[in-house]
């Protein structure tokens, strides 16, 4: 049986995307997840912004810009040239770019991993479990 058959679980990695409205306060709210499964050539992101909760952390936060940044992450995953130079690289390098620490309003959390038979389903599961 091949390691990528539908009945064999494959390794995947993920990062939770955090919105940190005020970096100086170090408060954050999970707003998305990026999943990478090399064996399936899979890299995708899903997100959900709870505007009310984020506004409670910082009423002046531009929530539309946060959503635009999350769409850029999805564009990098999809290889969309409009998402910038990182989108033109192989999947592993795109994931490396997305998981790299940064001190902006949108930050990746630590890298975690697991096994899955269906990376897309795992992405939805993680979004429900960690973000919504």
N, C-alpha and C. Protein backbone atom coordinates (compact mmCIF):
# COMPACT_ATOMS: atom_id res chain seq x y z
N UNK A 1 0.84 -1.17 0.00
CA UNK A 1 0.00 0.00 0.00
C UNK A 1 0.89 1.24 0.00
N UNK A 2 0.59 2.21 -0.87
CA UNK A 2 1.42 3.41 -0.94
C UNK A 2 1.13 4.32 0.24
N UNK A 3 2.14 5.14 0.63
CA UNK A 3 1.96 6.01 1.79
C UNK A 3 0.91 7.10 1.58
N UNK A 4 0.50 7.35 0.33
CA UNK A 4 -0.48 8.41 0.09
C UNK A 4 -1.84 7.86 -0.31
N UNK A 5 -2.07 6.57 -0.11
CA UNK A 5 -3.38 6.02 -0.45
C UNK A 5 -4.42 6.57 0.51
N UNK A 6 -5.71 6.57 0.11
CA UNK A 6 -6.74 7.15 0.96
C UNK A 6 -6.88 6.46 2.33
N UNK A 7 -6.40 5.22 2.44
CA UNK A 7 -6.55 4.52 3.72
C UNK A 7 -5.34 4.67 4.63
N UNK A 8 -4.27 5.25 4.12
CA UNK A 8 -3.06 5.43 4.92
C UNK A 8 -2.95 6.87 5.39
N UNK A 9 -2.84 7.06 6.70
CA UNK A 9 -2.66 8.44 7.18
C UNK A 9 -1.29 8.98 6.78
N UNK A 10 -1.24 10.27 6.51
CA UNK A 10 0.02 10.93 6.17
C UNK A 10 0.27 12.04 7.18
N UNK A 11 1.53 12.38 7.31
CA UNK A 11 1.91 13.46 8.23
C UNK A 11 1.49 14.81 7.65
N UNK A 12 1.10 15.68 8.56
CA UNK A 12 0.81 17.06 8.18
C UNK A 12 1.33 17.98 9.28
N UNK A 13 1.50 19.23 8.91
CA UNK A 13 1.89 20.26 9.86
C UNK A 13 0.87 21.39 9.76
N UNK A 14 0.71 22.11 10.87
CA UNK A 14 -0.17 23.26 10.81
C UNK A 14 0.29 24.35 11.75
N UNK A 15 -0.12 25.57 11.44
CA UNK A 15 0.04 26.71 12.32
C UNK A 15 -1.31 27.39 12.46
N UNK A 16 -1.55 27.89 13.65
CA UNK A 16 -2.72 28.72 13.89
C UNK A 16 -2.31 30.16 13.62
N UNK A 17 -3.16 30.88 12.92
CA UNK A 17 -2.90 32.30 12.67
C UNK A 17 -3.59 33.11 13.76
N UNK A 18 -2.83 34.02 14.33
CA UNK A 18 -3.32 34.83 15.45
C UNK A 18 -3.39 36.29 15.05
N UNK A 19 -4.46 36.94 15.44
CA UNK A 19 -4.53 38.38 15.28
C UNK A 19 -4.08 38.99 16.60
N UNK A 20 -3.05 39.81 16.51
CA UNK A 20 -2.48 40.47 17.68
C UNK A 20 -2.67 41.97 17.47
N UNK A 21 -3.81 42.51 17.88
CA UNK A 21 -4.12 43.91 17.57
C UNK A 21 -3.09 44.90 18.12
N UNK A 22 -2.61 44.63 19.31
CA UNK A 22 -1.59 45.50 19.92
C UNK A 22 -0.45 44.61 20.37
N UNK A 23 0.60 44.59 19.58
CA UNK A 23 1.74 43.72 19.84
C UNK A 23 2.32 43.98 21.22
N UNK A 24 2.28 45.23 21.67
CA UNK A 24 2.84 45.57 22.98
C UNK A 24 2.08 44.90 24.13
N UNK A 25 0.80 44.57 23.93
CA UNK A 25 0.02 43.93 25.00
C UNK A 25 0.08 42.41 24.93
N UNK A 26 0.53 41.87 23.81
CA UNK A 26 0.67 40.43 23.61
C UNK A 26 -0.65 39.66 23.76
N UNK A 27 -1.77 40.32 23.54
CA UNK A 27 -3.07 39.65 23.53
C UNK A 27 -3.36 39.23 22.10
N UNK A 28 -3.97 38.07 21.93
CA UNK A 28 -4.28 37.62 20.58
C UNK A 28 -5.57 36.82 20.56
N UNK A 29 -6.10 36.69 19.35
CA UNK A 29 -7.26 35.86 19.09
C UNK A 29 -6.95 35.02 17.85
N UNK A 30 -7.18 33.72 17.95
CA UNK A 30 -6.97 32.85 16.79
C UNK A 30 -7.98 33.21 15.71
N UNK A 31 -7.48 33.39 14.49
CA UNK A 31 -8.36 33.77 13.38
C UNK A 31 -8.23 32.85 12.16
N UNK A 32 -7.28 31.93 12.16
CA UNK A 32 -7.11 31.07 10.99
C UNK A 32 -6.16 29.92 11.26
N UNK A 33 -6.09 29.04 10.27
CA UNK A 33 -5.22 27.87 10.34
C UNK A 33 -4.64 27.63 8.95
N UNK A 34 -3.36 27.26 8.91
CA UNK A 34 -2.69 26.84 7.67
C UNK A 34 -2.27 25.39 7.85
N UNK A 35 -2.64 24.53 6.89
CA UNK A 35 -2.29 23.11 6.93
C UNK A 35 -1.42 22.78 5.72
N UNK A 36 -0.33 22.04 5.99
CA UNK A 36 0.59 21.59 4.93
C UNK A 36 0.79 20.08 5.07
N UNK A 37 0.49 19.35 4.00
CA UNK A 37 0.72 17.90 3.95
C UNK A 37 1.53 17.61 2.69
N UNK A 38 2.81 17.41 2.87
CA UNK A 38 3.72 17.22 1.73
C UNK A 38 3.32 16.03 0.86
N UNK A 39 2.96 14.91 1.48
CA UNK A 39 2.64 13.71 0.72
C UNK A 39 1.43 13.89 -0.20
N UNK A 40 0.57 14.85 0.11
CA UNK A 40 -0.61 15.12 -0.71
C UNK A 40 -0.44 16.38 -1.55
N UNK A 41 0.76 16.99 -1.53
CA UNK A 41 0.97 18.27 -2.20
C UNK A 41 -0.15 19.24 -1.83
N UNK A 42 -0.37 19.35 -0.53
CA UNK A 42 -1.50 20.14 -0.03
C UNK A 42 -1.00 21.28 0.86
N UNK A 43 -1.45 22.47 0.55
CA UNK A 43 -1.22 23.64 1.38
C UNK A 43 -2.44 24.53 1.24
N UNK A 44 -3.10 24.79 2.35
CA UNK A 44 -4.29 25.63 2.31
C UNK A 44 -4.50 26.29 3.66
N UNK A 45 -5.29 27.34 3.64
CA UNK A 45 -5.62 28.08 4.85
C UNK A 45 -7.12 28.30 4.89
N UNK A 46 -7.64 28.37 6.09
CA UNK A 46 -9.04 28.72 6.32
C UNK A 46 -9.05 29.71 7.47
N UNK A 47 -10.03 30.62 7.46
CA UNK A 47 -10.07 31.62 8.50
C UNK A 47 -11.49 32.05 8.84
N UNK A 48 -11.60 32.60 10.02
CA UNK A 48 -12.87 33.16 10.50
C UNK A 48 -12.54 34.28 11.47
N UNK A 49 -13.05 35.47 11.20
CA UNK A 49 -12.79 36.62 12.06
C UNK A 49 -14.05 36.92 12.87
N UNK A 50 -13.91 36.84 14.18
CA UNK A 50 -14.98 37.23 15.09
C UNK A 50 -14.78 38.72 15.36
N UNK A 51 -15.45 39.53 14.59
CA UNK A 51 -15.26 40.98 14.64
C UNK A 51 -15.55 41.56 16.03
N UNK A 52 -16.55 41.05 16.67
CA UNK A 52 -16.91 41.56 17.99
C UNK A 52 -15.80 41.31 19.02
N UNK A 53 -15.27 40.11 19.02
CA UNK A 53 -14.21 39.78 19.97
C UNK A 53 -12.93 40.58 19.69
N UNK A 54 -12.60 40.73 18.41
CA UNK A 54 -11.40 41.51 18.08
C UNK A 54 -11.58 42.98 18.42
N UNK A 55 -12.77 43.51 18.19
CA UNK A 55 -13.04 44.90 18.52
C UNK A 55 -12.94 45.12 20.03
N UNK A 56 -13.23 44.09 20.82
CA UNK A 56 -13.09 44.20 22.27
C UNK A 56 -11.62 44.33 22.67
N UNK A 57 -10.73 43.69 21.91
CA UNK A 57 -9.29 43.81 22.20
C UNK A 57 -8.74 45.16 21.78
N UNK A 58 -9.26 45.66 20.65
CA UNK A 58 -8.78 46.96 20.16
C UNK A 58 -9.87 47.57 19.27
N UNK A 59 -10.66 48.49 19.81
CA UNK A 59 -11.75 49.09 19.03
C UNK A 59 -11.27 49.81 17.77
N UNK A 60 -10.02 50.22 17.72
CA UNK A 60 -9.50 50.93 16.56
C UNK A 60 -8.92 50.03 15.48
N UNK A 61 -8.94 48.74 15.68
CA UNK A 61 -8.35 47.80 14.72
C UNK A 61 -9.13 47.83 13.41
N UNK A 62 -8.42 47.89 12.30
CA UNK A 62 -9.04 47.86 10.98
C UNK A 62 -9.30 46.40 10.61
N UNK A 63 -10.50 45.94 10.88
CA UNK A 63 -10.84 44.53 10.68
C UNK A 63 -10.84 44.14 9.21
N UNK A 64 -11.17 45.07 8.33
CA UNK A 64 -11.13 44.76 6.90
C UNK A 64 -9.70 44.46 6.45
N UNK A 65 -8.73 45.17 7.00
CA UNK A 65 -7.33 44.91 6.65
C UNK A 65 -6.88 43.56 7.18
N UNK A 66 -7.37 43.17 8.36
CA UNK A 66 -7.06 41.84 8.89
C UNK A 66 -7.59 40.77 7.93
N UNK A 67 -8.82 40.94 7.46
CA UNK A 67 -9.40 39.99 6.51
C UNK A 67 -8.62 39.96 5.19
N UNK A 68 -8.17 41.12 4.74
CA UNK A 68 -7.35 41.18 3.52
C UNK A 68 -6.04 40.42 3.71
N UNK A 69 -5.43 40.56 4.88
CA UNK A 69 -4.19 39.83 5.16
C UNK A 69 -4.43 38.33 5.17
N UNK A 70 -5.56 37.91 5.71
CA UNK A 70 -5.89 36.48 5.72
C UNK A 70 -6.14 35.97 4.30
N UNK A 71 -6.74 36.77 3.47
CA UNK A 71 -6.94 36.38 2.07
C UNK A 71 -5.59 36.29 1.35
N UNK A 72 -4.65 37.14 1.72
CA UNK A 72 -3.30 37.05 1.14
C UNK A 72 -2.65 35.73 1.52
N UNK A 73 -2.84 35.30 2.76
CA UNK A 73 -2.31 34.00 3.19
C UNK A 73 -2.90 32.90 2.31
N UNK A 74 -4.20 32.94 2.08
CA UNK A 74 -4.82 31.93 1.21
C UNK A 74 -4.26 32.01 -0.20
N UNK A 75 -3.97 33.23 -0.67
CA UNK A 75 -3.37 33.39 -1.99
C UNK A 75 -1.98 32.79 -2.07
N UNK A 76 -1.19 32.96 -1.03
CA UNK A 76 0.14 32.34 -0.99
C UNK A 76 -0.01 30.83 -1.06
N UNK A 77 -0.93 30.28 -0.28
CA UNK A 77 -1.17 28.83 -0.30
C UNK A 77 -1.52 28.35 -1.71
N UNK A 78 -2.37 29.11 -2.39
CA UNK A 78 -2.86 28.72 -3.72
C UNK A 78 -1.86 29.02 -4.84
N UNK A 79 -0.79 29.75 -4.53
CA UNK A 79 0.17 30.10 -5.57
C UNK A 79 -0.30 31.25 -6.44
N UNK A 80 -1.20 32.08 -5.92
CA UNK A 80 -1.74 33.23 -6.65
C UNK A 80 -0.68 34.33 -6.71
N UNK A 81 -0.27 34.70 -7.90
CA UNK A 81 0.78 35.72 -8.07
C UNK A 81 0.40 37.05 -7.42
N UNK A 82 -0.88 37.34 -7.31
CA UNK A 82 -1.33 38.59 -6.68
C UNK A 82 -0.98 38.62 -5.19
N UNK A 83 -0.66 37.47 -4.60
CA UNK A 83 -0.31 37.39 -3.18
C UNK A 83 1.16 37.72 -2.92
N UNK A 84 1.92 37.97 -3.96
CA UNK A 84 3.32 38.35 -3.78
C UNK A 84 4.29 37.26 -4.21
N UNK A 85 5.57 37.57 -4.04
CA UNK A 85 6.64 36.69 -4.50
C UNK A 85 6.62 35.32 -3.84
N UNK A 86 6.23 35.25 -2.57
CA UNK A 86 6.23 33.97 -1.85
C UNK A 86 5.32 32.95 -2.53
N UNK A 87 4.28 33.41 -3.19
CA UNK A 87 3.32 32.51 -3.83
C UNK A 87 3.93 31.74 -5.00
N UNK A 88 5.05 32.20 -5.52
CA UNK A 88 5.68 31.55 -6.67
C UNK A 88 6.62 30.42 -6.31
N UNK A 89 6.83 30.18 -5.05
CA UNK A 89 7.77 29.14 -4.61
C UNK A 89 7.07 27.79 -4.44
N UNK A 90 7.84 26.72 -4.31
CA UNK A 90 7.25 25.40 -4.03
C UNK A 90 6.48 25.42 -2.71
N UNK A 91 5.56 24.46 -2.56
CA UNK A 91 4.69 24.42 -1.38
C UNK A 91 5.46 24.46 -0.06
N UNK A 92 6.54 23.69 0.04
CA UNK A 92 7.28 23.64 1.30
C UNK A 92 7.84 25.01 1.66
N UNK A 93 8.31 25.76 0.66
CA UNK A 93 8.84 27.10 0.93
C UNK A 93 7.72 28.08 1.26
N UNK A 94 6.56 27.91 0.61
CA UNK A 94 5.42 28.77 0.95
C UNK A 94 4.99 28.54 2.39
N UNK A 95 4.96 27.27 2.82
CA UNK A 95 4.61 27.00 4.21
C UNK A 95 5.67 27.59 5.14
N UNK A 96 6.93 27.47 4.75
CA UNK A 96 8.01 28.06 5.54
C UNK A 96 7.84 29.56 5.70
N UNK A 97 7.44 30.22 4.64
CA UNK A 97 7.18 31.66 4.70
C UNK A 97 6.02 31.96 5.65
N UNK A 98 4.95 31.19 5.54
CA UNK A 98 3.75 31.45 6.35
C UNK A 98 3.95 31.14 7.83
N UNK A 99 4.81 30.19 8.14
CA UNK A 99 5.01 29.82 9.55
C UNK A 99 6.10 30.64 10.23
N UNK A 100 6.81 31.48 9.48
CA UNK A 100 7.91 32.27 10.04
C UNK A 100 7.37 33.31 11.02
N UNK A 101 8.00 33.42 12.17
CA UNK A 101 7.56 34.43 13.16
C UNK A 101 7.68 35.84 12.61
N UNK A 102 6.75 36.69 13.01
CA UNK A 102 6.79 38.10 12.62
C UNK A 102 6.08 38.91 13.69
N UNK A 103 6.41 40.17 13.77
CA UNK A 103 5.76 41.01 14.76
C UNK A 103 4.83 42.00 14.05
N UNK A 104 3.78 41.46 13.49
CA UNK A 104 2.74 42.26 12.84
C UNK A 104 1.41 41.90 13.49
N UNK A 105 0.36 42.46 12.99
CA UNK A 105 -0.97 42.18 13.56
C UNK A 105 -1.37 40.73 13.32
N UNK A 106 -0.94 40.13 12.22
CA UNK A 106 -1.26 38.72 11.93
C UNK A 106 0.02 37.90 12.11
N UNK A 107 -0.01 36.97 13.07
CA UNK A 107 1.17 36.19 13.41
C UNK A 107 0.85 34.70 13.43
N UNK A 108 1.80 33.86 12.99
CA UNK A 108 1.61 32.41 13.13
C UNK A 108 1.99 31.97 14.54
N UNK A 109 1.26 30.98 15.04
CA UNK A 109 1.63 30.36 16.30
C UNK A 109 2.68 29.30 16.04
N UNK A 110 2.99 28.48 17.04
CA UNK A 110 3.97 27.41 16.87
C UNK A 110 3.48 26.36 15.87
N UNK A 111 4.42 25.66 15.26
CA UNK A 111 4.09 24.59 14.32
C UNK A 111 3.73 23.34 15.13
N UNK A 112 2.63 22.73 14.72
CA UNK A 112 2.18 21.46 15.30
C UNK A 112 2.02 20.47 14.16
N UNK A 113 1.86 19.20 14.49
CA UNK A 113 1.71 18.19 13.46
C UNK A 113 0.83 17.05 13.89
N UNK A 114 0.56 16.19 12.95
CA UNK A 114 -0.26 15.02 13.22
C UNK A 114 -0.33 14.15 11.99
N UNK A 115 -1.29 13.25 12.00
CA UNK A 115 -1.54 12.36 10.88
C UNK A 115 -2.98 12.54 10.41
N UNK A 116 -3.18 12.45 9.12
CA UNK A 116 -4.52 12.59 8.56
C UNK A 116 -4.63 11.81 7.26
N UNK A 117 -5.82 11.39 6.95
CA UNK A 117 -6.10 10.78 5.65
C UNK A 117 -6.61 11.84 4.66
N UNK A 118 -7.12 12.95 5.20
CA UNK A 118 -7.74 13.98 4.37
C UNK A 118 -7.34 15.36 4.88
N UNK A 119 -6.31 15.98 4.28
CA UNK A 119 -5.84 17.28 4.78
C UNK A 119 -6.92 18.37 4.74
N UNK A 120 -7.77 18.38 3.73
CA UNK A 120 -8.82 19.40 3.65
C UNK A 120 -9.81 19.25 4.81
N UNK A 121 -10.17 18.04 5.11
CA UNK A 121 -11.07 17.80 6.24
C UNK A 121 -10.37 18.17 7.55
N UNK A 122 -9.08 17.89 7.65
CA UNK A 122 -8.32 18.24 8.85
C UNK A 122 -8.29 19.75 9.04
N UNK A 123 -8.13 20.48 7.94
CA UNK A 123 -8.14 21.94 8.00
C UNK A 123 -9.46 22.44 8.58
N UNK A 124 -10.56 21.93 8.09
CA UNK A 124 -11.87 22.34 8.60
C UNK A 124 -12.04 21.97 10.07
N UNK A 125 -11.56 20.80 10.44
CA UNK A 125 -11.63 20.36 11.84
C UNK A 125 -10.83 21.30 12.74
N UNK A 126 -9.63 21.65 12.32
CA UNK A 126 -8.79 22.54 13.12
C UNK A 126 -9.40 23.94 13.21
N UNK A 127 -9.99 24.41 12.13
CA UNK A 127 -10.65 25.72 12.16
C UNK A 127 -11.76 25.72 13.20
N UNK A 128 -12.57 24.67 13.19
CA UNK A 128 -13.67 24.59 14.17
C UNK A 128 -13.14 24.49 15.58
N UNK A 129 -12.12 23.69 15.78
CA UNK A 129 -11.59 23.42 17.11
C UNK A 129 -10.79 24.58 17.70
N UNK A 130 -10.02 25.27 16.86
CA UNK A 130 -9.09 26.27 17.36
C UNK A 130 -9.49 27.72 17.14
N UNK A 131 -10.42 27.96 16.22
CA UNK A 131 -10.74 29.34 15.85
C UNK A 131 -12.19 29.72 16.18
N UNK A 132 -13.12 28.93 15.78
CA UNK A 132 -14.54 29.32 15.95
C UNK A 132 -15.02 29.16 17.36
